[in-house]
PDB file of N, CA and C in Angstrom:
ATOM      1  N   MET A   1     -20.503 -21.860  -3.524  1.00  0.00           N
ATOM      2  CA  MET A   1     -21.603 -21.158  -2.920  1.00  0.00           C
ATOM      3  C   MET A   1     -21.305 -19.656  -2.981  1.00  0.00           C
ATOM      4  N   LYS A   2     -22.313 -18.882  -3.234  1.00  0.00           N
ATOM      5  CA  LYS A   2     -22.153 -17.429  -3.317  1.00  0.00           C
ATOM      6  C   LYS A   2     -21.993 -16.823  -1.922  1.00  0.00           C
ATOM      7  N   LEU A   3     -21.102 -15.854  -1.800  1.00  0.00           N
ATOM      8  CA  LEU A   3     -20.889 -15.164  -0.539  1.00  0.00           C
ATOM      9  C   LEU A   3     -22.169 -14.490  -0.063  1.00  0.00           C
ATOM     10  N   SER A   4     -22.948 -13.944  -0.981  1.00  0.00           N
ATOM     11  CA  SER A   4     -24.195 -13.267  -0.606  1.00  0.00           C
ATOM     12  C   SER A   4     -25.160 -14.231   0.086  1.00  0.00           C
ATOM     13  N   GLU A   5     -25.179 -15.498  -0.333  1.00  0.00           N
ATOM     14  CA  GLU A   5     -26.035 -16.503   0.297  1.00  0.00           C
ATOM     15  C   GLU A   5     -25.587 -16.776   1.732  1.00  0.00           C
ATOM     16  N   ILE A   6     -24.288 -16.865   1.932  1.00  0.00           N
ATOM     17  CA  ILE A   6     -23.742 -17.085   3.270  1.00  0.00           C
ATOM     18  C   ILE A   6     -24.077 -15.902   4.175  1.00  0.00           C
ATOM     19  N   ILE A   7     -23.927 -14.702   3.657  1.00  0.00           N
ATOM     20  CA  ILE A   7     -24.223 -13.502   4.438  1.00  0.00           C
ATOM     21  C   ILE A   7     -25.669 -13.528   4.924  1.00  0.00           C
ATOM     22  N   LYS A   8     -26.553 -13.871   4.029  1.00  0.00           N
ATOM     23  CA  LYS A   8     -27.979 -13.877   4.360  1.00  0.00           C
ATOM     24  C   LYS A   8     -28.314 -14.973   5.378  1.00  0.00           C
ATOM     25  N   LYS A   9     -27.877 -16.197   5.118  1.00  0.00           N
ATOM     26  CA  LYS A   9     -28.244 -17.327   5.975  1.00  0.00           C
ATOM     27  C   LYS A   9     -27.569 -17.297   7.346  1.00  0.00           C
ATOM     28  N   CYS A  10     -26.398 -16.664   7.422  1.00  0.00           N
ATOM     29  CA  CYS A  10     -25.676 -16.598   8.697  1.00  0.00           C
ATOM     30  C   CYS A  10     -25.888 -15.268   9.424  1.00  0.00           C
ATOM     31  N   ASN A  11     -26.691 -14.400   8.829  1.00  0.00           N
ATOM     32  CA  ASN A  11     -26.965 -13.084   9.412  1.00  0.00           C
ATOM     33  C   ASN A  11     -25.665 -12.307   9.684  1.00  0.00           C
ATOM     34  N   LEU A  12     -24.802 -12.276   8.672  1.00  0.00           N
ATOM     35  CA  LEU A  12     -23.536 -11.553   8.783  1.00  0.00           C
ATOM     36  C   LEU A  12     -23.749 -10.093   8.413  1.00  0.00           C
ATOM     37  N   HIS A  13     -22.898  -9.243   8.951  1.00  0.00           N
ATOM     38  CA  HIS A  13     -22.965  -7.814   8.682  1.00  0.00           C
ATOM     39  C   HIS A  13     -21.804  -7.444   7.763  1.00  0.00           C
ATOM     40  N   VAL A  14     -22.083  -6.751   6.669  1.00  0.00           N
ATOM     41  CA  VAL A  14     -21.052  -6.360   5.719  1.00  0.00           C
ATOM     42  C   VAL A  14     -20.388  -5.074   6.195  1.00  0.00           C
ATOM     43  N   VAL A  15     -19.103  -5.137   6.449  1.00  0.00           N
ATOM     44  CA  VAL A  15     -18.321  -3.959   6.808  1.00  0.00           C
ATOM     45  C   VAL A  15     -17.798  -3.296   5.539  1.00  0.00           C
ATOM     46  N   CYS A  16     -17.269  -4.119   4.647  1.00  0.00           N
ATOM     47  CA  CYS A  16     -16.823  -3.629   3.345  1.00  0.00           C
ATOM     48  C   CYS A  16     -16.794  -4.792   2.369  1.00  0.00           C
ATOM     49  N   GLY A  17     -16.863  -4.453   1.106  1.00  0.00           N
ATOM     50  CA  GLY A  17     -16.829  -5.473   0.062  1.00  0.00           C
ATOM     51  C   GLY A  17     -17.811  -5.148  -1.042  1.00  0.00           C
ATOM     52  N   GLU A  18     -17.459  -5.558  -2.237  1.00  0.00           N
ATOM     53  CA  GLU A  18     -18.285  -5.304  -3.414  1.00  0.00           C
ATOM     54  C   GLU A  18     -18.567  -6.610  -4.139  1.00  0.00           C
ATOM     55  N   ASP A  19     -19.583  -6.591  -4.992  1.00  0.00           N
ATOM     56  CA  ASP A  19     -19.930  -7.743  -5.827  1.00  0.00           C
ATOM     57  C   ASP A  19     -20.112  -9.019  -5.009  1.00  0.00           C
ATOM     58  N   LEU A  20     -20.802  -8.894  -3.882  1.00  0.00           N
ATOM     59  CA  LEU A  20     -20.985 -10.035  -2.992  1.00  0.00           C
ATOM     60  C   LEU A  20     -21.800 -11.143  -3.645  1.00  0.00           C
ATOM     61  N   GLU A  21     -22.642 -10.788  -4.616  1.00  0.00           N
ATOM     62  CA  GLU A  21     -23.443 -11.785  -5.318  1.00  0.00           C
ATOM     63  C   GLU A  21     -22.596 -12.602  -6.273  1.00  0.00           C
ATOM     64  N   LYS A  22     -21.459 -12.064  -6.676  1.00  0.00           N
ATOM     65  CA  LYS A  22     -20.593 -12.734  -7.643  1.00  0.00           C
ATOM     66  C   LYS A  22     -19.481 -13.541  -6.983  1.00  0.00           C
ATOM     67  N   LYS A  23     -19.113 -13.201  -5.751  1.00  0.00           N
ATOM     68  CA  LYS A  23     -17.998 -13.882  -5.090  1.00  0.00           C
ATOM     69  C   LYS A  23     -18.375 -15.293  -4.697  1.00  0.00           C
ATOM     70  N   GLU A  24     -17.510 -16.218  -5.068  1.00  0.00           N
ATOM     71  CA  GLU A  24     -17.703 -17.633  -4.762  1.00  0.00           C
ATOM     72  C   GLU A  24     -16.873 -18.032  -3.544  1.00  0.00           C
ATOM     73  N   VAL A  25     -17.469 -18.818  -2.675  1.00  0.00           N
ATOM     74  CA  VAL A  25     -16.783 -19.400  -1.528  1.00  0.00           C
ATOM     75  C   VAL A  25     -16.666 -20.889  -1.801  1.00  0.00           C
ATOM     76  N   SER A  26     -15.437 -21.388  -1.780  1.00  0.00           N
ATOM     77  CA  SER A  26     -15.236 -22.807  -2.089  1.00  0.00           C
ATOM     78  C   SER A  26     -14.918 -23.644  -0.857  1.00  0.00           C
ATOM     79  N   GLY A  27     -14.709 -23.000   0.281  1.00  0.00           N
ATOM     80  CA  GLY A  27     -14.399 -23.722   1.511  1.00  0.00           C
ATOM     81  C   GLY A  27     -14.301 -22.755   2.664  1.00  0.00           C
ATOM     82  N   GLY A  28     -13.874 -23.253   3.799  1.00  0.00           N
ATOM     83  CA  GLY A  28     -13.765 -22.401   4.972  1.00  0.00           C
ATOM     84  C   GLY A  28     -12.559 -22.745   5.817  1.00  0.00           C
ATOM     85  N   TYR A  29     -12.123 -21.759   6.590  1.00  0.00           N
ATOM     86  CA  TYR A  29     -11.019 -21.955   7.523  1.00  0.00           C
ATOM     87  C   TYR A  29     -11.262 -21.089   8.742  1.00  0.00           C
ATOM     88  N   SER A  30     -10.963 -21.627   9.903  1.00  0.00           N
ATOM     89  CA  SER A  30     -11.112 -20.885  11.149  1.00  0.00           C
ATOM     90  C   SER A  30      -9.779 -20.901  11.870  1.00  0.00           C
ATOM     91  N   GLY A  31      -9.278 -19.728  12.204  1.00  0.00           N
ATOM     92  CA  GLY A  31      -8.016 -19.645  12.923  1.00  0.00           C
ATOM     93  C   GLY A  31      -7.657 -18.211  13.238  1.00  0.00           C
ATOM     94  N   ASP A  32      -6.897 -18.046  14.309  1.00  0.00           N
ATOM     95  CA  ASP A  32      -6.504 -16.718  14.748  1.00  0.00           C
ATOM     96  C   ASP A  32      -4.991 -16.486  14.683  1.00  0.00           C
ATOM     97  N   LEU A  33      -4.243 -17.535  14.476  1.00  0.00           N
ATOM     98  CA  LEU A  33      -2.801 -17.429  14.342  1.00  0.00           C
ATOM     99  C   LEU A  33      -2.484 -17.233  12.857  1.00  0.00           C
ATOM    100  N   LEU A  34      -1.975 -16.066  12.504  1.00  0.00           N
ATOM    101  CA  LEU A  34      -1.801 -15.726  11.091  1.00  0.00           C
ATOM    102  C   LEU A  34      -0.916 -16.720  10.352  1.00  0.00           C
ATOM    103  N   SER A  35       0.135 -17.193  10.981  1.00  0.00           N
ATOM    104  CA  SER A  35       1.017 -18.150  10.309  1.00  0.00           C
ATOM    105  C   SER A  35       0.278 -19.459  10.015  1.00  0.00           C
ATOM    106  N   ASP A  36      -0.635 -19.851  10.889  1.00  0.00           N
ATOM    107  CA  ASP A  36      -1.438 -21.050  10.660  1.00  0.00           C
ATOM    108  C   ASP A  36      -2.374 -20.851   9.480  1.00  0.00           C
ATOM    109  N   VAL A  37      -2.993 -19.686   9.400  1.00  0.00           N
ATOM    110  CA  VAL A  37      -3.901 -19.397   8.287  1.00  0.00           C
ATOM    111  C   VAL A  37      -3.117 -19.366   6.981  1.00  0.00           C
ATOM    112  N   MET A  38      -1.929 -18.777   6.992  1.00  0.00           N
ATOM    113  CA  MET A  38      -1.096 -18.743   5.782  1.00  0.00           C
ATOM    114  C   MET A  38      -0.701 -20.150   5.349  1.00  0.00           C
ATOM    115  N   ALA A  39      -0.454 -21.020   6.306  1.00  0.00           N
ATOM    116  CA  ALA A  39       0.000 -22.374   5.982  1.00  0.00           C
ATOM    117  C   ALA A  39      -1.139 -23.302   5.555  1.00  0.00           C
ATOM    118  N   ASN A  40      -2.344 -23.067   6.046  1.00  0.00           N
ATOM    119  CA  ASN A  40      -3.393 -24.077   5.884  1.00  0.00           C
ATOM    120  C   ASN A  40      -4.667 -23.654   5.176  1.00  0.00           C
ATOM    121  N   SER A  41      -4.936 -22.370   5.039  1.00  0.00           N
ATOM    122  CA  SER A  41      -6.148 -21.959   4.322  1.00  0.00           C
ATOM    123  C   SER A  41      -5.926 -22.135   2.818  1.00  0.00           C
ATOM    124  N   LYS A  42      -7.027 -22.189   2.093  1.00  0.00           N
ATOM    125  CA  LYS A  42      -6.969 -22.400   0.647  1.00  0.00           C
ATOM    126  C   LYS A  42      -7.647 -21.256  -0.094  1.00  0.00           C
ATOM    127  N   LYS A  43      -7.233 -21.058  -1.322  1.00  0.00           N
ATOM    128  CA  LYS A  43      -7.850 -20.056  -2.183  1.00  0.00           C
ATOM    129  C   LYS A  43      -9.365 -20.268  -2.204  1.00  0.00           C
ATOM    130  N   GLY A  44     -10.114 -19.172  -2.033  1.00  0.00           N
ATOM    131  CA  GLY A  44     -11.567 -19.236  -2.067  1.00  0.00           C
ATOM    132  C   GLY A  44     -12.228 -19.501  -0.729  1.00  0.00           C
ATOM    133  N   ASP A  45     -11.426 -19.738   0.318  1.00  0.00           N
ATOM    134  CA  ASP A  45     -11.993 -19.975   1.649  1.00  0.00           C
ATOM    135  C   ASP A  45     -12.599 -18.705   2.230  1.00  0.00           C
ATOM    136  N   ILE A  46     -13.596 -18.898   3.071  1.00  0.00           N
ATOM    137  CA  ILE A  46     -14.075 -17.834   3.940  1.00  0.00           C
ATOM    138  C   ILE A  46     -13.359 -18.061   5.273  1.00  0.00           C
ATOM    139  N   TRP A  47     -12.733 -17.018   5.804  1.00  0.00           N
ATOM    140  CA  TRP A  47     -11.878 -17.137   6.984  1.00  0.00           C
ATOM    141  C   TRP A  47     -12.604 -16.588   8.199  1.00  0.00           C
ATOM    142  N   ILE A  48     -12.757 -17.414   9.227  1.00  0.00           N
ATOM    143  CA  ILE A  48     -13.367 -17.021  10.494  1.00  0.00           C
ATOM    144  C   ILE A  48     -12.248 -16.696  11.474  1.00  0.00           C
ATOM    145  N   THR A  49     -12.297 -15.495  12.076  1.00  0.00           N
ATOM    146  CA  THR A  49     -11.251 -15.080  13.010  1.00  0.00           C
ATOM    147  C   THR A  49     -11.783 -14.061  14.000  1.00  0.00           C
ATOM    148  N   LEU A  50     -11.053 -13.883  15.102  1.00  0.00           N
ATOM    149  CA  LEU A  50     -11.365 -12.793  16.018  1.00  0.00           C
ATOM    150  C   LEU A  50     -10.373 -11.643  15.859  1.00  0.00           C
ATOM    151  N   GLN A  51      -9.382 -11.807  15.002  1.00  0.00           N
ATOM    152  CA  GLN A  51      -8.392 -10.761  14.768  1.00  0.00           C
ATOM    153  C   GLN A  51      -9.033  -9.559  14.067  1.00  0.00           C
ATOM    154  N   ILE A  52      -8.584  -8.356  14.408  1.00  0.00           N
ATOM    155  CA  ILE A  52      -9.182  -7.141  13.839  1.00  0.00           C
ATOM    156  C   ILE A  52      -8.151  -6.188  13.229  1.00  0.00           C
ATOM    157  N   HIS A  53      -6.885  -6.525  13.308  1.00  0.00           N
ATOM    158  CA  HIS A  53      -5.814  -5.625  12.864  1.00  0.00           C
ATOM    159  C   HIS A  53      -5.560  -5.740  11.358  1.00  0.00           C
ATOM    160  N   PRO A  54      -4.861  -4.770  10.765  1.00  0.00           N
ATOM    161  CA  PRO A  54      -4.659  -4.740   9.311  1.00  0.00           C
ATOM    162  C   PRO A  54      -3.926  -5.939   8.717  1.00  0.00           C
ATOM    163  N   ASN A  55      -3.152  -6.653   9.495  1.00  0.00           N
ATOM    164  CA  ASN A  55      -2.409  -7.789   8.948  1.00  0.00           C
ATOM    165  C   ASN A  55      -3.324  -8.892   8.424  1.00  0.00           C
ATOM    166  N   ILE A  56      -4.569  -8.942   8.887  1.00  0.00           N
ATOM    167  CA  ILE A  56      -5.481  -9.970   8.383  1.00  0.00           C
ATOM    168  C   ILE A  56      -5.781  -9.752   6.905  1.00  0.00           C
ATOM    169  N   VAL A  57      -5.770  -8.500   6.481  1.00  0.00           N
ATOM    170  CA  VAL A  57      -6.017  -8.199   5.064  1.00  0.00           C
ATOM    171  C   VAL A  57      -4.866  -8.733   4.222  1.00  0.00           C
ATOM    172  N   ALA A  58      -3.646  -8.524   4.690  1.00  0.00           N
ATOM    173  CA  ALA A  58      -2.473  -9.011   3.948  1.00  0.00           C
ATOM    174  C   ALA A  58      -2.514 -10.532   3.803  1.00  0.00           C
ATOM    175  N   VAL A  59      -2.878 -11.233   4.870  1.00  0.00           N
ATOM    176  CA  VAL A  59      -2.961 -12.692   4.818  1.00  0.00           C
ATOM    177  C   VAL A  59      -4.053 -13.128   3.843  1.00  0.00           C
ATOM    178  N   ALA A  60      -5.209 -12.500   3.930  1.00  0.00           N
ATOM    179  CA  ALA A  60      -6.325 -12.863   3.044  1.00  0.00           C
ATOM    180  C   ALA A  60      -5.972 -12.626   1.581  1.00  0.00           C
ATOM    181  N   MET A  61      -5.271 -11.552   1.294  1.00  0.00           N
ATOM    182  CA  MET A  61      -4.885 -11.262  -0.087  1.00  0.00           C
ATOM    183  C   MET A  61      -3.821 -12.245  -0.565  1.00  0.00           C
ATOM    184  N   LEU A  62      -2.871 -12.557   0.286  1.00  0.00           N
ATOM    185  CA  LEU A  62      -1.815 -13.513  -0.056  1.00  0.00           C
ATOM    186  C   LEU A  62      -2.407 -14.881  -0.418  1.00  0.00           C
ATOM    187  N   LYS A  63      -3.388 -15.316   0.348  1.00  0.00           N
ATOM    188  CA  LYS A  63      -3.997 -16.630   0.146  1.00  0.00           C
ATOM    189  C   LYS A  63      -5.199 -16.604  -0.798  1.00  0.00           C
ATOM    190  N   GLU A  64      -5.561 -15.424  -1.294  1.00  0.00           N
ATOM    191  CA  GLU A  64      -6.697 -15.247  -2.206  1.00  0.00           C
ATOM    192  C   GLU A  64      -7.990 -15.787  -1.593  1.00  0.00           C
ATOM    193  N   LEU A  65      -8.238 -15.387  -0.350  1.00  0.00           N
ATOM    194  CA  LEU A  65      -9.436 -15.821   0.353  1.00  0.00           C
ATOM    195  C   LEU A  65     -10.651 -15.048  -0.144  1.00  0.00           C
ATOM    196  N   ALA A  66     -11.819 -15.668  -0.024  1.00  0.00           N
ATOM    197  CA  ALA A  66     -13.059 -15.046  -0.509  1.00  0.00           C
ATOM    198  C   ALA A  66     -13.507 -13.903   0.390  1.00  0.00           C
ATOM    199  N   ALA A  67     -13.324 -14.047   1.698  1.00  0.00           N
ATOM    200  CA  ALA A  67     -13.767 -13.032   2.649  1.00  0.00           C
ATOM    201  C   ALA A  67     -13.223 -13.367   4.033  1.00  0.00           C
ATOM    202  N   ILE A  68     -13.282 -12.361   4.903  1.00  0.00           N
ATOM    203  CA  ILE A  68     -12.944 -12.536   6.312  1.00  0.00           C
ATOM    204  C   ILE A  68     -14.215 -12.304   7.116  1.00  0.00           C
ATOM    205  N   VAL A  69     -14.487 -13.187   8.079  1.00  0.00           N
ATOM    206  CA  VAL A  69     -15.579 -12.971   9.024  1.00  0.00           C
ATOM    207  C   VAL A  69     -14.983 -12.801  10.409  1.00  0.00           C
ATOM    208  N   ILE A  70     -15.236 -11.666  11.015  1.00  0.00           N
ATOM    209  CA  ILE A  70     -14.766 -11.376  12.366  1.00  0.00           C
ATOM    210  C   ILE A  70     -15.916 -11.694  13.323  1.00  0.00           C
ATOM    211  N   ILE A  71     -15.630 -12.522  14.309  1.00  0.00           N
ATOM    212  CA  ILE A  71     -16.656 -13.083  15.194  1.00  0.00           C
ATOM    213  C   ILE A  71     -16.798 -12.307  16.511  1.00  0.00           C
ATOM    214  N   ASN A  72     -17.746 -12.760  17.320  1.00  0.00           N
ATOM    215  CA  ASN A  72     -17.959 -12.272  18.693  1.00  0.00           C
ATOM    216  C   ASN A  72     -18.266 -10.783  18.792  1.00  0.00           C
ATOM    217  N   LYS A  73     -18.984 -10.255  17.829  1.00  0.00           N
ATOM    218  CA  LYS A  73     -19.396  -8.846  17.821  1.00  0.00           C
ATOM    219  C   LYS A  73     -18.219  -7.870  17.774  1.00  0.00           C
ATOM    220  N   ARG A  74     -17.042  -8.368  17.375  1.00  0.00           N
ATOM    221  CA  ARG A  74     -15.864  -7.496  17.270  1.00  0.00           C
ATOM    222  C   ARG A  74     -15.917  -6.740  15.950  1.00  0.00           C
ATOM    223  N   MET A  75     -15.335  -5.552  15.939  1.00  0.00           N
ATOM    224  CA  MET A  75     -15.280  -4.726  14.734  1.00  0.00           C
ATOM    225  C   MET A  75     -13.834  -4.532  14.323  1.00  0.00           C
ATOM    226  N   PRO A  76     -13.551  -4.555  13.020  1.00  0.00           N
ATOM    227  CA  PRO A  76     -12.169  -4.336  12.569  1.00  0.00           C
ATOM    228  C   PRO A  76     -11.727  -2.910  12.842  1.00  0.00           C
ATOM    229  N   GLU A  77     -10.431  -2.739  13.001  1.00  0.00           N
ATOM    230  CA  GLU A  77      -9.863  -1.404  13.174  1.00  0.00           C
ATOM    231  C   GLU A  77     -10.096  -0.583  11.905  1.00  0.00           C
ATOM    232  N   ALA A  78     -10.127   0.724  12.050  1.00  0.00           N
ATOM    233  CA  ALA A  78     -10.361   1.619  10.905  1.00  0.00           C
ATOM    234  C   ALA A  78      -9.326   1.389   9.811  1.00  0.00           C
ATOM    235  N   GLU A  79      -8.085   1.196  10.191  1.00  0.00           N
ATOM    236  CA  GLU A  79      -7.022   0.958   9.212  1.00  0.00           C
ATOM    237  C   GLU A  79      -7.244  -0.362   8.463  1.00  0.00           C
ATOM    238  N   THR A  80      -7.790  -1.346   9.149  1.00  0.00           N
ATOM    239  CA  THR A  80      -8.092  -2.630   8.525  1.00  0.00           C
ATOM    240  C   THR A  80      -9.155  -2.454   7.444  1.00  0.00           C
ATOM    241  N   ILE A  81     -10.187  -1.698   7.762  1.00  0.00           N
ATOM    242  CA  ILE A  81     -11.265  -1.447   6.799  1.00  0.00           C
ATOM    243  C   ILE A  81     -10.718  -0.708   5.583  1.00  0.00           C
ATOM    244  N   LYS A  82      -9.920   0.308   5.839  1.00  0.00           N
ATOM    245  CA  LYS A  82      -9.348   1.099   4.739  1.00  0.00           C
ATOM    246  C   LYS A  82      -8.498   0.221   3.822  1.00  0.00           C
ATOM    247  N   LYS A  83      -7.670  -0.612   4.419  1.00  0.00           N
ATOM    248  CA  LYS A  83      -6.805  -1.503   3.639  1.00  0.00           C
ATOM    249  C   LYS A  83      -7.641  -2.507   2.835  1.00  0.00           C
ATOM    250  N   ALA A  84      -8.688  -3.051   3.442  1.00  0.00           N
ATOM    251  CA  ALA A  84      -9.551  -4.013   2.749  1.00  0.00           C
ATOM    252  C   ALA A  84     -10.279  -3.352   1.588  1.00  0.00           C
ATOM    253  N   GLU A  85     -10.758  -2.142   1.788  1.00  0.00           N
ATOM    254  CA  GLU A  85     -11.439  -1.422   0.711  1.00  0.00           C
ATOM    255  C   GLU A  85     -10.494  -1.172  -0.457  1.00  0.00           C
ATOM    256  N   THR A  86      -9.266  -0.811  -0.165  1.00  0.00           N
ATOM    257  CA  THR A  86      -8.260  -0.585  -1.202  1.00  0.00           C
ATOM    258  C   THR A  86      -8.002  -1.861  -2.003  1.00  0.00           C
ATOM    259  N   GLU A  87      -7.997  -3.006  -1.317  1.00  0.00           N
ATOM    260  CA  GLU A  87      -7.711  -4.297  -1.953  1.00  0.00           C
ATOM    261  C   GLU A  87      -8.947  -4.953  -2.567  1.00  0.00           C
ATOM    262  N   GLY A  88     -10.133  -4.424  -2.262  1.00  0.00           N
ATOM    263  CA  GLY A  88     -11.360  -5.035  -2.769  1.00  0.00           C
ATOM    264  C   GLY A  88     -11.749  -6.298  -2.020  1.00  0.00           C
ATOM    265  N   LEU A  89     -11.336  -6.400  -0.765  1.00  0.00           N
ATOM    266  CA  LEU A  89     -11.594  -7.574   0.061  1.00  0.00           C
ATOM    267  C   LEU A  89     -12.857  -7.370   0.895  1.00  0.00           C
ATOM    268  N   SER A  90     -13.660  -8.400   1.005  1.00  0.00           N
ATOM    269  CA  SER A  90     -14.866  -8.345   1.830  1.00  0.00           C
ATOM    270  C   SER A  90     -14.536  -8.691   3.272  1.00  0.00           C
ATOM    271  N   ILE A  91     -14.961  -7.813   4.190  1.00  0.00           N
ATOM    272  CA  ILE A  91     -14.882  -8.092   5.617  1.00  0.00           C
ATOM    273  C   ILE A  91     -16.303  -8.074   6.152  1.00  0.00           C
ATOM    274  N   LEU A  92     -16.629  -9.116   6.886  1.00  0.00           N
ATOM    275  CA  LEU A  92     -17.948  -9.280   7.477  1.00  0.00           C
ATOM    276  C   LEU A  92     -17.790  -9.439   8.980  1.00  0.00           C
ATOM    277  N   THR A  93     -18.854  -9.149   9.723  1.00  0.00           N
ATOM    278  CA  THR A  93     -18.830  -9.392  11.161  1.00  0.00           C
ATOM    279  C   THR A  93     -19.995 -10.289  11.526  1.00  0.00           C
ATOM    280  N   CYS A  94     -19.849 -10.927  12.687  1.00  0.00           N
ATOM    281  CA  CYS A  94     -20.824 -11.903  13.135  1.00  0.00           C
ATOM    282  C   CYS A  94     -20.951 -11.809  14.655  1.00  0.00           C
ATOM    283  N   ASP A  95     -22.154 -11.974  15.144  1.00  0.00           N
ATOM    284  CA  ASP A  95     -22.377 -11.959  16.588  1.00  0.00           C
ATOM    285  C   ASP A  95     -22.033 -13.296  17.231  1.00  0.00           C
ATOM    286  N   MET A  96     -21.993 -14.360  16.439  1.00  0.00           N
ATOM    287  CA  MET A  96     -21.741 -15.703  16.966  1.00  0.00           C
ATOM    288  C   MET A  96     -20.259 -15.916  17.272  1.00  0.00           C
ATOM    289  N   PRO A  97     -19.969 -16.875  18.159  1.00  0.00           N
ATOM    290  CA  PRO A  97     -18.578 -17.309  18.323  1.00  0.00           C
ATOM    291  C   PRO A  97     -18.171 -18.191  17.141  1.00  0.00           C
ATOM    292  N   ALA A  98     -16.893 -18.410  16.992  1.00  0.00           N
ATOM    293  CA  ALA A  98     -16.357 -19.168  15.861  1.00  0.00           C
ATOM    294  C   ALA A  98     -16.962 -20.572  15.759  1.00  0.00           C
ATOM    295  N   PHE A  99     -17.099 -21.257  16.867  1.00  0.00           N
ATOM    296  CA  PHE A  99     -17.595 -22.632  16.857  1.00  0.00           C
ATOM    297  C   PHE A  99     -18.996 -22.700  16.277  1.00  0.00           C
ATOM    298  N   GLU A 100     -19.860 -21.791  16.690  1.00  0.00           N
ATOM    299  CA  GLU A 100     -21.236 -21.785  16.180  1.00  0.00           C
ATOM    300  C   GLU A 100     -21.283 -21.429  14.702  1.00  0.00           C
ATOM    301  N   LEU A 101     -20.539 -20.406  14.292  1.00  0.00           N
ATOM    302  CA  LEU A 101     -20.540 -20.013  12.893  1.00  0.00           C
ATOM    303  C   LEU A 101     -20.008 -21.140  12.011  1.00  0.00           C
ATOM    304  N   ALA A 102     -18.944 -21.784  12.448  1.00  0.00           N
ATOM    305  CA  ALA A 102     -18.398 -22.908  11.672  1.00  0.00           C
ATOM    306  C   ALA A 102     -19.432 -24.019  11.534  1.00  0.00           C
ATOM    307  N   GLY A 103     -20.196 -24.260  12.589  1.00  0.00           N
ATOM    308  CA  GLY A 103     -21.239 -25.276  12.530  1.00  0.00           C
ATOM    309  C   GLY A 103     -22.325 -24.926  11.526  1.00  0.00           C
ATOM    310  N   VAL A 104     -22.742 -23.669  11.523  1.00  0.00           N
ATOM    311  CA  VAL A 104     -23.758 -23.221  10.572  1.00  0.00           C
ATOM    312  C   VAL A 104     -23.234 -23.356   9.142  1.00  0.00           C
ATOM    313  N   LEU A 105     -22.013 -22.904   8.917  1.00  0.00           N
ATOM    314  CA  LEU A 105     -21.422 -23.004   7.580  1.00  0.00           C
ATOM    315  C   LEU A 105     -21.309 -24.465   7.142  1.00  0.00           C
ATOM    316  N   TYR A 106     -20.949 -25.330   8.070  1.00  0.00           N
ATOM    317  CA  TYR A 106     -20.823 -26.752   7.749  1.00  0.00           C
ATOM    318  C   TYR A 106     -22.171 -27.330   7.310  1.00  0.00           C
ATOM    319  N   THR A 107     -23.228 -26.976   8.011  1.00  0.00           N
ATOM    320  CA  THR A 107     -24.564 -27.480   7.636  1.00  0.00           C
ATOM    321  C   THR A 107     -25.010 -26.939   6.291  1.00  0.00           C
ATOM    322  N   MET A 108     -24.428 -25.813   5.874  1.00  0.00           N
ATOM    323  CA  MET A 108     -24.731 -25.233   4.567  1.00  0.00           C
ATOM    324  C   MET A 108     -23.913 -25.883   3.460  1.00  0.00           C
ATOM    325  N   GLY A 109     -22.958 -26.718   3.820  1.00  0.00           N
ATOM    326  CA  GLY A 109     -22.137 -27.389   2.827  1.00  0.00           C
ATOM    327  C   GLY A 109     -20.749 -26.815   2.650  1.00  0.00           C
ATOM    328  N   VAL A 110     -20.392 -25.822   3.448  1.00  0.00           N
ATOM    329  CA  VAL A 110     -19.035 -25.245   3.379  1.00  0.00           C
ATOM    330  C   VAL A 110     -18.115 -26.143   4.185  1.00  0.00           C
ATOM    331  N   ARG A 111     -17.081 -26.626   3.548  1.00  0.00           N
ATOM    332  CA  ARG A 111     -16.150 -27.556   4.189  1.00  0.00           C
ATOM    333  C   ARG A 111     -14.731 -27.011   4.162  1.00  0.00           C
ATOM    334  N   GLY A 112     -13.933 -27.476   5.105  1.00  0.00           N
ATOM    335  CA  GLY A 112     -12.513 -27.219   5.067  1.00  0.00           C
ATOM    336  C   GLY A 112     -11.868 -28.200   4.112  1.00  0.00           C
ATOM    337  N   LYS A 113     -10.686 -27.883   3.653  1.00  0.00           N
ATOM    338  CA  LYS A 113      -9.988 -28.764   2.721  1.00  0.00           C
ATOM    339  C   LYS A 113      -8.736 -29.305   3.381  1.00  0.00           C
ATOM    340  N   THR A 114      -8.384 -30.495   3.004  1.00  0.00           N
ATOM    341  CA  THR A 114      -7.149 -31.082   3.542  1.00  0.00           C
ATOM    342  C   THR A 114      -6.111 -31.184   2.472  1.00  0.00           C
TER     343      THR A 114
END
């Protein structure tokens, strides 16, 4: 599924990121503990989190994630945005809590992988 489609249907706000029409999302992961995300997320996942610090960019790049969605109307720190822009990583924000966003993504066909 295209990231641009997810952005539109979930009413996500783009903080940074390019070529959103070309980026493919192959699954999803929700978690706030970075070590858990490193251990269990998969390449191409869209990551739902409430974390806003720069380390989320490092984790997303390490795991080759499609994008990060920050929930609950939270905004990433300025340093996080700068780091994501340098890496070409998409960061999105959402007004919904993680549970609701995951439910919407699930109904769209985005699944977690085991």
